[in-house]
């Protein structure tokens, strides 16, 4: 199975997850989150969704900084 093509919307989702928003993700984004989990960019943890190293590396390659305050 070839990997997914990560687009700007996916980067936005990864940023939302990486910055640990307390707000739930929009339902329209949940299907894409499932794809990002399957591709190893995101993992489910007891405390919520977390970026994996692969997800963090992707954002770094794209020049995206995340405030994890």
PDB file of N, CA and C in Angstrom:
ATOM      1  N   UNK A   1       0.849  -1.184   0.000  1.00  0.00           N
ATOM      2  CA  UNK A   1       0.000   0.000   0.000  1.00  0.00           C
ATOM      3  C   UNK A   1       0.887   1.237   0.000  1.00  0.00           C
ATOM      4  N   UNK A   2       0.782   2.066  -1.005  1.00  0.00           N
ATOM      5  CA  UNK A   2       1.596   3.279  -1.023  1.00  0.00           C
ATOM      6  C   UNK A   2       1.150   4.245   0.057  1.00  0.00           C
ATOM      7  N   UNK A   3       2.078   5.093   0.503  1.00  0.00           N
ATOM      8  CA  UNK A   3       1.765   6.066   1.537  1.00  0.00           C
ATOM      9  C   UNK A   3       0.791   7.118   1.029  1.00  0.00           C
ATOM     10  N   UNK A   4       0.221   7.823   1.966  1.00  0.00           N
ATOM     11  CA  UNK A   4      -0.706   8.889   1.609  1.00  0.00           C
ATOM     12  C   UNK A   4       0.068  10.121   1.164  1.00  0.00           C
ATOM     13  N   UNK A   5      -0.569  10.945   0.393  1.00  0.00           N
ATOM     14  CA  UNK A   5       0.010  12.215  -0.020  1.00  0.00           C
ATOM     15  C   UNK A   5      -0.395  13.252   1.024  1.00  0.00           C
ATOM     16  N   UNK A   6       0.556  13.717   1.814  1.00  0.00           N
ATOM     17  CA  UNK A   6       0.268  14.668   2.878  1.00  0.00           C
ATOM     18  C   UNK A   6       0.144  16.060   2.278  1.00  0.00           C
ATOM     19  N   UNK A   7      -1.022  16.679   2.475  1.00  0.00           N
ATOM     20  CA  UNK A   7      -1.261  18.008   1.916  1.00  0.00           C
ATOM     21  C   UNK A   7      -1.321  19.054   3.033  1.00  0.00           C
ATOM     22  N   UNK A   8      -1.623  20.286   2.659  1.00  0.00           N
ATOM     23  CA  UNK A   8      -1.661  21.375   3.628  1.00  0.00           C
ATOM     24  C   UNK A   8      -2.712  21.150   4.711  1.00  0.00           C
ATOM     25  N   UNK A   9      -3.834  20.533   4.361  1.00  0.00           N
ATOM     26  CA  UNK A   9      -4.858  20.231   5.371  1.00  0.00           C
ATOM     27  C   UNK A   9      -4.329  19.243   6.402  1.00  0.00           C
ATOM     28  N   UNK A  10      -3.557  18.259   5.937  1.00  0.00           N
ATOM     29  CA  UNK A  10      -2.969  17.291   6.860  1.00  0.00           C
ATOM     30  C   UNK A  10      -1.958  17.977   7.780  1.00  0.00           C
ATOM     31  N   UNK A  11      -1.177  18.891   7.229  1.00  0.00           N
ATOM     32  CA  UNK A  11      -0.210  19.635   8.041  1.00  0.00           C
ATOM     33  C   UNK A  11      -0.949  20.420   9.117  1.00  0.00           C
ATOM     34  N   UNK A  12      -2.069  21.008   8.765  1.00  0.00           N
ATOM     35  CA  UNK A  12      -2.889  21.743   9.731  1.00  0.00           C
ATOM     36  C   UNK A  12      -3.364  20.819  10.852  1.00  0.00           C
ATOM     37  N   UNK A  13      -3.802  19.623  10.486  1.00  0.00           N
ATOM     38  CA  UNK A  13      -4.246  18.646  11.490  1.00  0.00           C
ATOM     39  C   UNK A  13      -3.083  18.260  12.395  1.00  0.00           C
ATOM     40  N   UNK A  14      -1.934  17.991  11.800  1.00  0.00           N
ATOM     41  CA  UNK A  14      -0.763  17.616  12.598  1.00  0.00           C
ATOM     42  C   UNK A  14      -0.373  18.747  13.545  1.00  0.00           C
ATOM     43  N   UNK A  15      -0.466  19.978  13.091  1.00  0.00           N
ATOM     44  CA  UNK A  15      -0.176  21.125  13.958  1.00  0.00           C
ATOM     45  C   UNK A  15      -1.165  21.201  15.116  1.00  0.00           C
ATOM     46  N   UNK A  16      -2.447  20.982  14.835  1.00  0.00           N
ATOM     47  CA  UNK A  16      -3.456  20.977  15.895  1.00  0.00           C
ATOM     48  C   UNK A  16      -3.136  19.919  16.942  1.00  0.00           C
ATOM     49  N   UNK A  17      -2.776  18.731  16.478  1.00  0.00           N
ATOM     50  CA  UNK A  17      -2.455  17.635  17.399  1.00  0.00           C
ATOM     51  C   UNK A  17      -1.172  17.943  18.163  1.00  0.00           C
ATOM     52  N   UNK A  18      -0.168  18.446  17.449  1.00  0.00           N
ATOM     53  CA  UNK A  18       1.113  18.730  18.076  1.00  0.00           C
ATOM     54  C   UNK A  18       1.073  19.840  19.102  1.00  0.00           C
ATOM     55  N   UNK A  19       0.176  20.794  18.911  1.00  0.00           N
ATOM     56  CA  UNK A  19       0.096  21.894  19.865  1.00  0.00           C
ATOM     57  C   UNK A  19      -0.861  21.580  21.012  1.00  0.00           C
ATOM     58  N   UNK A  20      -1.380  20.362  21.014  1.00  0.00           N
ATOM     59  CA  UNK A  20      -2.181  19.839  22.121  1.00  0.00           C
ATOM     60  C   UNK A  20      -3.380  20.713  22.458  1.00  0.00           C
ATOM     61  N   UNK A  21      -4.122  21.102  21.408  1.00  0.00           N
ATOM     62  CA  UNK A  21      -5.351  21.854  21.643  1.00  0.00           C
ATOM     63  C   UNK A  21      -6.282  21.049  22.537  1.00  0.00           C
ATOM     64  N   UNK A  22      -6.957  21.731  23.446  1.00  0.00           N
ATOM     65  CA  UNK A  22      -7.955  21.063  24.287  1.00  0.00           C
ATOM     66  C   UNK A  22      -9.277  20.910  23.548  1.00  0.00           C
ATOM     67  N   UNK A  23      -9.399  21.588  22.429  1.00  0.00           N
ATOM     68  CA  UNK A  23     -10.621  21.542  21.640  1.00  0.00           C
ATOM     69  C   UNK A  23     -10.635  20.276  20.792  1.00  0.00           C
ATOM     70  N   UNK A  24     -11.748  19.564  20.775  1.00  0.00           N
ATOM     71  CA  UNK A  24     -11.816  18.364  19.915  1.00  0.00           C
ATOM     72  C   UNK A  24     -11.661  18.735  18.445  1.00  0.00           C
ATOM     73  N   UNK A  25     -11.099  17.816  17.678  1.00  0.00           N
ATOM     74  CA  UNK A  25     -10.984  18.031  16.240  1.00  0.00           C
ATOM     75  C   UNK A  25     -12.365  17.999  15.602  1.00  0.00           C
ATOM     76  N   UNK A  26     -12.518  18.745  14.526  1.00  0.00           N
ATOM     77  CA  UNK A  26     -13.778  18.742  13.789  1.00  0.00           C
ATOM     78  C   UNK A  26     -14.047  17.343  13.244  1.00  0.00           C
ATOM     79  N   UNK A  27     -15.305  16.970  13.210  1.00  0.00           N
ATOM     80  CA  UNK A  27     -15.661  15.634  12.721  1.00  0.00           C
ATOM     81  C   UNK A  27     -15.210  15.418  11.286  1.00  0.00           C
ATOM     82  N   UNK A  28     -15.155  16.488  10.495  1.00  0.00           N
ATOM     83  CA  UNK A  28     -14.731  16.356   9.109  1.00  0.00           C
ATOM     84  C   UNK A  28     -13.254  15.953   9.003  1.00  0.00           C
ATOM     85  N   UNK A  29     -12.480  16.168  10.049  1.00  0.00           N
ATOM     86  CA  UNK A  29     -11.059  15.838  10.036  1.00  0.00           C
ATOM     87  C   UNK A  29     -10.765  14.447  10.593  1.00  0.00           C
ATOM     88  N   UNK A  30     -11.734  13.828  11.247  1.00  0.00           N
ATOM     89  CA  UNK A  30     -11.475  12.557  11.921  1.00  0.00           C
ATOM     90  C   UNK A  30     -11.098  11.435  10.970  1.00  0.00           C
ATOM     91  N   UNK A  31     -11.709  11.376   9.804  1.00  0.00           N
ATOM     92  CA  UNK A  31     -11.364  10.324   8.841  1.00  0.00           C
ATOM     93  C   UNK A  31      -9.911  10.474   8.405  1.00  0.00           C
ATOM     94  N   UNK A  32      -9.471  11.698   8.219  1.00  0.00           N
ATOM     95  CA  UNK A  32      -8.082  11.928   7.806  1.00  0.00           C
ATOM     96  C   UNK A  32      -7.128  11.593   8.944  1.00  0.00           C
ATOM     97  N   UNK A  33      -7.538  11.830  10.188  1.00  0.00           N
ATOM     98  CA  UNK A  33      -6.711  11.461  11.333  1.00  0.00           C
ATOM     99  C   UNK A  33      -6.478   9.953  11.336  1.00  0.00           C
ATOM    100  N   UNK A  34      -7.504   9.196  10.996  1.00  0.00           N
ATOM    101  CA  UNK A  34      -7.365   7.743  10.912  1.00  0.00           C
ATOM    102  C   UNK A  34      -6.289   7.362   9.899  1.00  0.00           C
ATOM    103  N   UNK A  35      -6.268   8.052   8.758  1.00  0.00           N
ATOM    104  CA  UNK A  35      -5.231   7.800   7.751  1.00  0.00           C
ATOM    105  C   UNK A  35      -3.844   8.164   8.292  1.00  0.00           C
ATOM    106  N   UNK A  36      -3.750   9.286   8.997  1.00  0.00           N
ATOM    107  CA  UNK A  36      -2.465   9.719   9.557  1.00  0.00           C
ATOM    108  C   UNK A  36      -1.968   8.745  10.620  1.00  0.00           C
ATOM    109  N   UNK A  37      -2.887   8.158  11.374  1.00  0.00           N
ATOM    110  CA  UNK A  37      -2.522   7.130  12.354  1.00  0.00           C
ATOM    111  C   UNK A  37      -2.004   5.893  11.616  1.00  0.00           C
ATOM    112  N   UNK A  38      -2.726   5.478  10.582  1.00  0.00           N
ATOM    113  CA  UNK A  38      -2.333   4.288   9.820  1.00  0.00           C
ATOM    114  C   UNK A  38      -0.960   4.453   9.179  1.00  0.00           C
ATOM    115  N   UNK A  39      -0.615   5.674   8.791  1.00  0.00           N
ATOM    116  CA  UNK A  39       0.680   5.938   8.156  1.00  0.00           C
ATOM    117  C   UNK A  39       1.790   6.211   9.160  1.00  0.00           C
ATOM    118  N   UNK A  40       1.449   6.251  10.449  1.00  0.00           N
ATOM    119  CA  UNK A  40       2.476   6.405  11.479  1.00  0.00           C
ATOM    120  C   UNK A  40       2.845   7.831  11.832  1.00  0.00           C
ATOM    121  N   UNK A  41       2.041   8.804  11.421  1.00  0.00           N
ATOM    122  CA  UNK A  41       2.314  10.201  11.764  1.00  0.00           C
ATOM    123  C   UNK A  41       1.744  10.578  13.134  1.00  0.00           C
ATOM    124  N   UNK A  42       0.717   9.857  13.560  1.00  0.00           N
ATOM    125  CA  UNK A  42      -0.004  10.141  14.802  1.00  0.00           C
ATOM    126  C   UNK A  42      -0.237   8.821  15.516  1.00  0.00           C
ATOM    127  N   UNK A  43      -0.258   8.867  16.842  1.00  0.00           N
ATOM    128  CA  UNK A  43      -0.622   7.676  17.619  1.00  0.00           C
ATOM    129  C   UNK A  43      -1.653   8.059  18.667  1.00  0.00           C
ATOM    130  N   UNK A  44      -2.427   7.092  19.068  1.00  0.00           N
ATOM    131  CA  UNK A  44      -3.410   7.288  20.140  1.00  0.00           C
ATOM    132  C   UNK A  44      -2.752   6.941  21.456  1.00  0.00           C
ATOM    133  N   UNK A  45      -2.912   7.811  22.402  1.00  0.00           N
ATOM    134  CA  UNK A  45      -2.397   7.620  23.753  1.00  0.00           C
ATOM    135  C   UNK A  45      -3.573   7.781  24.716  1.00  0.00           C
ATOM    136  N   UNK A  46      -3.440   7.273  25.938  1.00  0.00           N
ATOM    137  CA  UNK A  46      -4.541   7.465  26.899  1.00  0.00           C
ATOM    138  C   UNK A  46      -4.921   8.936  27.089  1.00  0.00           C
ATOM    139  N   UNK A  47      -3.938   9.829  26.982  1.00  0.00           N
ATOM    140  CA  UNK A  47      -4.228  11.257  27.174  1.00  0.00           C
ATOM    141  C   UNK A  47      -4.643  11.966  25.883  1.00  0.00           C
ATOM    142  N   UNK A  48      -4.772  11.237  24.796  1.00  0.00           N
ATOM    143  CA  UNK A  48      -5.220  11.829  23.543  1.00  0.00           C
ATOM    144  C   UNK A  48      -4.280  11.504  22.396  1.00  0.00           C
ATOM    145  N   UNK A  49      -4.457  12.202  21.301  1.00  0.00           N
ATOM    146  CA  UNK A  49      -3.622  11.995  20.124  1.00  0.00           C
ATOM    147  C   UNK A  49      -2.264  12.662  20.318  1.00  0.00           C
ATOM    148  N   UNK A  50      -1.220  11.996  19.833  1.00  0.00           N
ATOM    149  CA  UNK A  50       0.140  12.501  19.930  1.00  0.00           C
ATOM    150  C   UNK A  50       0.829  12.340  18.583  1.00  0.00           C
ATOM    151  N   UNK A  51       1.698  13.290  18.256  1.00  0.00           N
ATOM    152  CA  UNK A  51       2.528  13.123  17.069  1.00  0.00           C
ATOM    153  C   UNK A  51       3.583  12.061  17.337  1.00  0.00           C
ATOM    154  N   UNK A  52       3.873  11.281  16.333  1.00  0.00           N
ATOM    155  CA  UNK A  52       4.997  10.347  16.427  1.00  0.00           C
ATOM    156  C   UNK A  52       6.262  11.082  15.972  1.00  0.00           C
ATOM    157  N   UNK A  53       7.387  10.426  16.092  1.00  0.00           N
ATOM    158  CA  UNK A  53       8.635  11.009  15.592  1.00  0.00           C
ATOM    159  C   UNK A  53       8.499  11.291  14.092  1.00  0.00           C
ATOM    160  N   UNK A  54       7.844  10.384  13.377  1.00  0.00           N
ATOM    161  CA  UNK A  54       7.639  10.572  11.935  1.00  0.00           C
ATOM    162  C   UNK A  54       6.817  11.835  11.668  1.00  0.00           C
ATOM    163  N   UNK A  55       5.788  12.058  12.458  1.00  0.00           N
ATOM    164  CA  UNK A  55       4.974  13.259  12.317  1.00  0.00           C
ATOM    165  C   UNK A  55       5.757  14.520  12.636  1.00  0.00           C
ATOM    166  N   UNK A  56       6.550  14.456  13.700  1.00  0.00           N
ATOM    167  CA  UNK A  56       7.389  15.603  14.073  1.00  0.00           C
ATOM    168  C   UNK A  56       8.416  15.895  12.985  1.00  0.00           C
ATOM    169  N   UNK A  57       9.015  14.844  12.448  1.00  0.00           N
ATOM    170  CA  UNK A  57      10.012  15.027  11.386  1.00  0.00           C
ATOM    171  C   UNK A  57       9.389  15.641  10.134  1.00  0.00           C
ATOM    172  N   UNK A  58       8.183  15.214   9.792  1.00  0.00           N
ATOM    173  CA  UNK A  58       7.502  15.775   8.636  1.00  0.00           C
ATOM    174  C   UNK A  58       7.292  17.278   8.815  1.00  0.00           C
ATOM    175  N   UNK A  59       6.812  17.679   9.991  1.00  0.00           N
ATOM    176  CA  UNK A  59       6.593  19.096  10.236  1.00  0.00           C
ATOM    177  C   UNK A  59       7.911  19.870  10.186  1.00  0.00           C
ATOM    178  N   UNK A  60       8.972  19.298  10.722  1.00  0.00           N
ATOM    179  CA  UNK A  60      10.277  19.954  10.695  1.00  0.00           C
ATOM    180  C   UNK A  60      10.767  20.131   9.246  1.00  0.00           C
ATOM    181  N   UNK A  61      10.572  19.103   8.411  1.00  0.00           N
ATOM    182  CA  UNK A  61      10.965  19.203   7.000  1.00  0.00           C
ATOM    183  C   UNK A  61      10.178  20.261   6.265  1.00  0.00           C
ATOM    184  N   UNK A  62       8.931  20.455   6.674  1.00  0.00           N
ATOM    185  CA  UNK A  62       8.091  21.478   6.052  1.00  0.00           C
ATOM    186  C   UNK A  62       8.335  22.866   6.646  1.00  0.00           C
ATOM    187  N   UNK A  63       9.195  22.937   7.663  1.00  0.00           N
ATOM    188  CA  UNK A  63       9.519  24.224   8.263  1.00  0.00           C
ATOM    189  C   UNK A  63       8.429  24.747   9.203  1.00  0.00           C
ATOM    190  N   UNK A  64       7.667  23.823   9.780  1.00  0.00           N
ATOM    191  CA  UNK A  64       6.580  24.206  10.671  1.00  0.00           C
ATOM    192  C   UNK A  64       7.055  24.098  12.101  1.00  0.00           C
ATOM    193  N   UNK A  65       6.919  25.176  12.855  1.00  0.00           N
ATOM    194  CA  UNK A  65       7.223  25.162  14.282  1.00  0.00           C
ATOM    195  C   UNK A  65       5.928  25.070  15.067  1.00  0.00           C
ATOM    196  N   UNK A  66       5.986  24.342  16.160  1.00  0.00           N
ATOM    197  CA  UNK A  66       4.779  24.161  16.984  1.00  0.00           C
ATOM    198  C   UNK A  66       5.067  24.678  18.379  1.00  0.00           C
ATOM    199  N   UNK A  67       4.125  25.453  18.903  1.00  0.00           N
ATOM    200  CA  UNK A  67       4.203  25.923  20.278  1.00  0.00           C
ATOM    201  C   UNK A  67       3.480  24.906  21.151  1.00  0.00           C
ATOM    202  N   UNK A  68       4.219  24.180  21.976  1.00  0.00           N
ATOM    203  CA  UNK A  68       3.621  23.145  22.827  1.00  0.00           C
ATOM    204  C   UNK A  68       3.373  23.675  24.235  1.00  0.00           C
ATOM    205  N   UNK A  69       3.008  24.921  24.350  1.00  0.00           N
ATOM    206  CA  UNK A  69       2.809  25.553  25.657  1.00  0.00           C
ATOM    207  C   UNK A  69       1.747  24.903  26.475  1.00  0.00           C
TER     208      UNK A  69
END
